[in-house]
């Protein structure tokens, strides 16, 4: 049963609806999401959120 579920999950995870065309284009939604995620991680690191979280966990 787990093999069947694994096969179904692998087939479902294929990028069937990925954007077509050049990757480095502002018309490509995958590229826009990548840029947005990188900016989000950069903002978190700029405001030292990981350090604040570890400090709160240590208390």
PDB file of N, CA and C in Angstrom:
ATOM      1  N   UNK A   1       0.825  -1.195   0.000  1.00  0.00           N
ATOM      2  CA  UNK A   1       0.000   0.000   0.000  1.00  0.00           C
ATOM      3  C   UNK A   1       0.866   1.255   0.000  1.00  0.00           C
ATOM      4  N   UNK A   2       1.962   1.232   0.761  1.00  0.00           N
ATOM      5  CA  UNK A   2       2.821   2.415   0.799  1.00  0.00           C
ATOM      6  C   UNK A   2       3.498   2.655  -0.543  1.00  0.00           C
ATOM      7  N   UNK A   3       3.757   1.598  -1.294  1.00  0.00           N
ATOM      8  CA  UNK A   3       4.362   1.777  -2.619  1.00  0.00           C
ATOM      9  C   UNK A   3       3.399   2.488  -3.561  1.00  0.00           C
ATOM     10  N   UNK A   4       2.142   2.143  -3.473  1.00  0.00           N
ATOM     11  CA  UNK A   4       1.147   2.791  -4.330  1.00  0.00           C
ATOM     12  C   UNK A   4       1.022   4.264  -3.965  1.00  0.00           C
ATOM     13  N   UNK A   5       0.981   4.555  -2.685  1.00  0.00           N
ATOM     14  CA  UNK A   5       0.887   5.946  -2.240  1.00  0.00           C
ATOM     15  C   UNK A   5       2.124   6.721  -2.663  1.00  0.00           C
ATOM     16  N   UNK A   6       3.297   6.099  -2.577  1.00  0.00           N
ATOM     17  CA  UNK A   6       4.530   6.753  -2.996  1.00  0.00           C
ATOM     18  C   UNK A   6       4.503   7.054  -4.488  1.00  0.00           C
ATOM     19  N   UNK A   7       4.060   6.113  -5.289  1.00  0.00           N
ATOM     20  CA  UNK A   7       3.977   6.336  -6.731  1.00  0.00           C
ATOM     21  C   UNK A   7       2.984   7.443  -7.077  1.00  0.00           C
ATOM     22  N   UNK A   8       1.858   7.462  -6.402  1.00  0.00           N
ATOM     23  CA  UNK A   8       0.868   8.511  -6.649  1.00  0.00           C
ATOM     24  C   UNK A   8       1.431   9.875  -6.256  1.00  0.00           C
ATOM     25  N   UNK A   9       2.140   9.946  -5.146  1.00  0.00           N
ATOM     26  CA  UNK A   9       2.734  11.209  -4.709  1.00  0.00           C
ATOM     27  C   UNK A   9       3.807  11.687  -5.684  1.00  0.00           C
ATOM     28  N   UNK A  10       4.573  10.761  -6.233  1.00  0.00           N
ATOM     29  CA  UNK A  10       5.610  11.142  -7.192  1.00  0.00           C
ATOM     30  C   UNK A  10       4.998  11.675  -8.483  1.00  0.00           C
ATOM     31  N   UNK A  11       3.923  11.057  -8.927  1.00  0.00           N
ATOM     32  CA  UNK A  11       3.267  11.515 -10.150  1.00  0.00           C
ATOM     33  C   UNK A  11       2.587  12.861  -9.910  1.00  0.00           C
ATOM     34  N   UNK A  12       2.009  13.044  -8.746  1.00  0.00           N
ATOM     35  CA  UNK A  12       1.316  14.294  -8.440  1.00  0.00           C
ATOM     36  C   UNK A  12       2.286  15.451  -8.262  1.00  0.00           C
ATOM     37  N   UNK A  13       3.534  15.170  -7.925  1.00  0.00           N
ATOM     38  CA  UNK A  13       4.501  16.230  -7.662  1.00  0.00           C
ATOM     39  C   UNK A  13       5.205  16.722  -8.917  1.00  0.00           C
ATOM     40  N   UNK A  14       4.873  16.203 -10.080  1.00  0.00           N
ATOM     41  CA  UNK A  14       5.533  16.646 -11.304  1.00  0.00           C
ATOM     42  C   UNK A  14       5.103  18.062 -11.640  1.00  0.00           C
ATOM     43  N   UNK A  15       5.997  18.845 -12.165  1.00  0.00           N
ATOM     44  CA  UNK A  15       5.662  20.247 -12.476  1.00  0.00           C
ATOM     45  C   UNK A  15       4.859  20.364 -13.772  1.00  0.00           C
ATOM     46  N   UNK A  16       3.652  19.863 -13.780  1.00  0.00           N
ATOM     47  CA  UNK A  16       2.828  19.864 -14.991  1.00  0.00           C
ATOM     48  C   UNK A  16       2.377  21.272 -15.367  1.00  0.00           C
ATOM     49  N   UNK A  17       2.196  22.118 -14.395  1.00  0.00           N
ATOM     50  CA  UNK A  17       1.706  23.462 -14.668  1.00  0.00           C
ATOM     51  C   UNK A  17       2.787  24.515 -14.502  1.00  0.00           C
ATOM     52  N   UNK A  18       4.048  24.139 -14.670  1.00  0.00           N
ATOM     53  CA  UNK A  18       5.138  25.100 -14.547  1.00  0.00           C
ATOM     54  C   UNK A  18       5.081  26.079 -15.719  1.00  0.00           C
ATOM     55  N   UNK A  19       5.557  27.281 -15.471  1.00  0.00           N
ATOM     56  CA  UNK A  19       5.545  28.303 -16.513  1.00  0.00           C
ATOM     57  C   UNK A  19       6.505  27.924 -17.629  1.00  0.00           C
ATOM     58  N   UNK A  20       6.105  28.218 -18.831  1.00  0.00           N
ATOM     59  CA  UNK A  20       6.933  27.899 -19.986  1.00  0.00           C
ATOM     60  C   UNK A  20       7.706  29.137 -20.416  1.00  0.00           C
ATOM     61  N   UNK A  21       8.730  28.925 -21.207  1.00  0.00           N
ATOM     62  CA  UNK A  21       9.515  30.039 -21.718  1.00  0.00           C
ATOM     63  C   UNK A  21      10.786  30.215 -20.910  1.00  0.00           C
ATOM     64  N   UNK A  22      11.464  31.336 -21.115  1.00  0.00           N
ATOM     65  CA  UNK A  22      12.732  31.568 -20.406  1.00  0.00           C
ATOM     66  C   UNK A  22      12.504  31.752 -18.908  1.00  0.00           C
ATOM     67  N   UNK A  23      13.432  31.194 -18.118  1.00  0.00           N
ATOM     68  CA  UNK A  23      13.268  31.273 -16.665  1.00  0.00           C
ATOM     69  C   UNK A  23      13.538  32.679 -16.159  1.00  0.00           C
ATOM     70  N   UNK A  24      14.568  33.343 -16.670  1.00  0.00           N
ATOM     71  CA  UNK A  24      14.942  34.670 -16.190  1.00  0.00           C
ATOM     72  C   UNK A  24      14.162  35.744 -16.938  1.00  0.00           C
ATOM     73  N   UNK A  25      12.866  35.778 -16.688  1.00  0.00           N
ATOM     74  CA  UNK A  25      11.981  36.755 -17.297  1.00  0.00           C
ATOM     75  C   UNK A  25      10.953  37.176 -16.259  1.00  0.00           C
ATOM     76  N   UNK A  26      10.612  38.453 -16.252  1.00  0.00           N
ATOM     77  CA  UNK A  26       9.615  38.924 -15.292  1.00  0.00           C
ATOM     78  C   UNK A  26       8.215  38.437 -15.639  1.00  0.00           C
ATOM     79  N   UNK A  27       8.041  37.848 -16.805  1.00  0.00           N
ATOM     80  CA  UNK A  27       6.758  37.258 -17.168  1.00  0.00           C
ATOM     81  C   UNK A  27       6.623  35.839 -16.631  1.00  0.00           C
ATOM     82  N   UNK A  28       7.710  35.268 -16.129  1.00  0.00           N
ATOM     83  CA  UNK A  28       7.703  33.906 -15.593  1.00  0.00           C
ATOM     84  C   UNK A  28       7.360  33.970 -14.106  1.00  0.00           C
ATOM     85  N   UNK A  29       6.249  33.357 -13.727  1.00  0.00           N
ATOM     86  CA  UNK A  29       5.799  33.437 -12.335  1.00  0.00           C
ATOM     87  C   UNK A  29       6.732  32.697 -11.381  1.00  0.00           C
ATOM     88  N   UNK A  30       7.374  31.629 -11.847  1.00  0.00           N
ATOM     89  CA  UNK A  30       8.317  30.913 -10.984  1.00  0.00           C
ATOM     90  C   UNK A  30       9.493  31.815 -10.605  1.00  0.00           C
ATOM     91  N   UNK A  31       9.970  32.613 -11.546  1.00  0.00           N
ATOM     92  CA  UNK A  31      11.076  33.530 -11.288  1.00  0.00           C
ATOM     93  C   UNK A  31      10.659  34.627 -10.307  1.00  0.00           C
ATOM     94  N   UNK A  32       9.444  35.129 -10.437  1.00  0.00           N
ATOM     95  CA  UNK A  32       8.942  36.165  -9.528  1.00  0.00           C
ATOM     96  C   UNK A  32       8.830  35.619  -8.109  1.00  0.00           C
ATOM     97  N   UNK A  33       8.356  34.391  -7.968  1.00  0.00           N
ATOM     98  CA  UNK A  33       8.249  33.771  -6.643  1.00  0.00           C
ATOM     99  C   UNK A  33       9.634  33.574  -6.044  1.00  0.00           C
ATOM    100  N   UNK A  34      10.612  33.169  -6.856  1.00  0.00           N
ATOM    101  CA  UNK A  34      11.982  33.000  -6.378  1.00  0.00           C
ATOM    102  C   UNK A  34      12.560  34.322  -5.886  1.00  0.00           C
ATOM    103  N   UNK A  35      12.363  35.393  -6.636  1.00  0.00           N
ATOM    104  CA  UNK A  35      12.847  36.713  -6.222  1.00  0.00           C
ATOM    105  C   UNK A  35      12.166  37.146  -4.930  1.00  0.00           C
ATOM    106  N   UNK A  36      10.856  36.961  -4.839  1.00  0.00           N
ATOM    107  CA  UNK A  36      10.114  37.360  -3.636  1.00  0.00           C
ATOM    108  C   UNK A  36      10.575  36.586  -2.415  1.00  0.00           C
ATOM    109  N   UNK A  37      10.813  35.295  -2.574  1.00  0.00           N
ATOM    110  CA  UNK A  37      11.274  34.482  -1.456  1.00  0.00           C
ATOM    111  C   UNK A  37      12.667  34.911  -1.011  1.00  0.00           C
ATOM    112  N   UNK A  38      13.548  35.209  -1.959  1.00  0.00           N
ATOM    113  CA  UNK A  38      14.895  35.663  -1.611  1.00  0.00           C
ATOM    114  C   UNK A  38      14.845  36.998  -0.869  1.00  0.00           C
ATOM    115  N   UNK A  39      13.969  37.900  -1.295  1.00  0.00           N
ATOM    116  CA  UNK A  39      13.819  39.184  -0.603  1.00  0.00           C
ATOM    117  C   UNK A  39      13.266  38.966   0.801  1.00  0.00           C
ATOM    118  N   UNK A  40      12.296  38.077   0.950  1.00  0.00           N
ATOM    119  CA  UNK A  40      11.717  37.781   2.259  1.00  0.00           C
ATOM    120  C   UNK A  40      12.773  37.235   3.216  1.00  0.00           C
ATOM    121  N   UNK A  41      13.586  36.287   2.764  1.00  0.00           N
ATOM    122  CA  UNK A  41      14.653  35.730   3.601  1.00  0.00           C
ATOM    123  C   UNK A  41      15.674  36.810   3.930  1.00  0.00           C
ATOM    124  N   UNK A  42      15.981  37.665   2.961  1.00  0.00           N
ATOM    125  CA  UNK A  42      16.911  38.764   3.207  1.00  0.00           C
ATOM    126  C   UNK A  42      16.403  39.728   4.267  1.00  0.00           C
ATOM    127  N   UNK A  43      15.115  40.045   4.238  1.00  0.00           N
ATOM    128  CA  UNK A  43      14.529  40.937   5.252  1.00  0.00           C
ATOM    129  C   UNK A  43      14.586  40.281   6.626  1.00  0.00           C
ATOM    130  N   UNK A  44      14.289  38.994   6.696  1.00  0.00           N
ATOM    131  CA  UNK A  44      14.372  38.287   7.979  1.00  0.00           C
ATOM    132  C   UNK A  44      15.793  38.322   8.536  1.00  0.00           C
ATOM    133  N   UNK A  45      16.773  38.112   7.675  1.00  0.00           N
ATOM    134  CA  UNK A  45      18.165  38.140   8.131  1.00  0.00           C
ATOM    135  C   UNK A  45      18.609  39.556   8.490  1.00  0.00           C
ATOM    136  N   UNK A  46      18.127  40.567   7.760  1.00  0.00           N
ATOM    137  CA  UNK A  46      18.494  41.955   8.042  1.00  0.00           C
ATOM    138  C   UNK A  46      18.002  42.380   9.425  1.00  0.00           C
ATOM    139  N   UNK A  47      16.802  41.985   9.780  1.00  0.00           N
ATOM    140  CA  UNK A  47      16.247  42.343  11.079  1.00  0.00           C
ATOM    141  C   UNK A  47      16.610  41.343  12.176  1.00  0.00           C
ATOM    142  N   UNK A  48      17.516  40.422  11.874  1.00  0.00           N
ATOM    143  CA  UNK A  48      18.063  39.456  12.834  1.00  0.00           C
ATOM    144  C   UNK A  48      16.976  38.624  13.515  1.00  0.00           C
ATOM    145  N   UNK A  49      16.001  38.192  12.735  1.00  0.00           N
ATOM    146  CA  UNK A  49      14.911  37.375  13.259  1.00  0.00           C
ATOM    147  C   UNK A  49      15.402  36.011  13.753  1.00  0.00           C
ATOM    148  N   UNK A  50      16.333  35.332  13.049  1.00  0.00           N
ATOM    149  CA  UNK A  50      16.801  34.040  13.581  1.00  0.00           C
ATOM    150  C   UNK A  50      17.436  34.161  14.963  1.00  0.00           C
ATOM    151  N   UNK A  51      18.192  35.227  15.193  1.00  0.00           N
ATOM    152  CA  UNK A  51      18.787  35.436  16.512  1.00  0.00           C
ATOM    153  C   UNK A  51      17.741  35.711  17.576  1.00  0.00           C
ATOM    154  N   UNK A  52      16.711  36.457  17.201  1.00  0.00           N
ATOM    155  CA  UNK A  52      15.639  36.735  18.152  1.00  0.00           C
ATOM    156  C   UNK A  52      14.889  35.453  18.514  1.00  0.00           C
ATOM    157  N   UNK A  53      14.655  34.606  17.517  1.00  0.00           N
ATOM    158  CA  UNK A  53      13.950  33.348  17.782  1.00  0.00           C
ATOM    159  C   UNK A  53      14.764  32.420  18.671  1.00  0.00           C
ATOM    160  N   UNK A  54      16.058  32.304  18.394  1.00  0.00           N
ATOM    161  CA  UNK A  54      16.881  31.436  19.240  1.00  0.00           C
ATOM    162  C   UNK A  54      16.998  32.004  20.642  1.00  0.00           C
ATOM    163  N   UNK A  55      17.023  33.315  20.775  1.00  0.00           N
ATOM    164  CA  UNK A  55      17.039  33.919  22.102  1.00  0.00           C
ATOM    165  C   UNK A  55      15.765  33.642  22.873  1.00  0.00           C
ATOM    166  N   UNK A  56      14.639  33.685  22.187  1.00  0.00           N
ATOM    167  CA  UNK A  56      13.367  33.390  22.850  1.00  0.00           C
ATOM    168  C   UNK A  56      13.276  31.920  23.235  1.00  0.00           C
ATOM    169  N   UNK A  57      13.848  31.044  22.413  1.00  0.00           N
ATOM    170  CA  UNK A  57      13.819  29.618  22.733  1.00  0.00           C
ATOM    171  C   UNK A  57      14.732  29.282  23.908  1.00  0.00           C
ATOM    172  N   UNK A  58      15.810  30.047  24.067  1.00  0.00           N
ATOM    173  CA  UNK A  58      16.739  29.778  25.161  1.00  0.00           C
ATOM    174  C   UNK A  58      16.199  30.227  26.512  1.00  0.00           C
ATOM    175  N   UNK A  59      15.245  31.140  26.531  1.00  0.00           N
ATOM    176  CA  UNK A  59      14.709  31.634  27.805  1.00  0.00           C
ATOM    177  C   UNK A  59      13.878  30.585  28.491  1.00  0.00           C
TER     178      UNK A  59
END
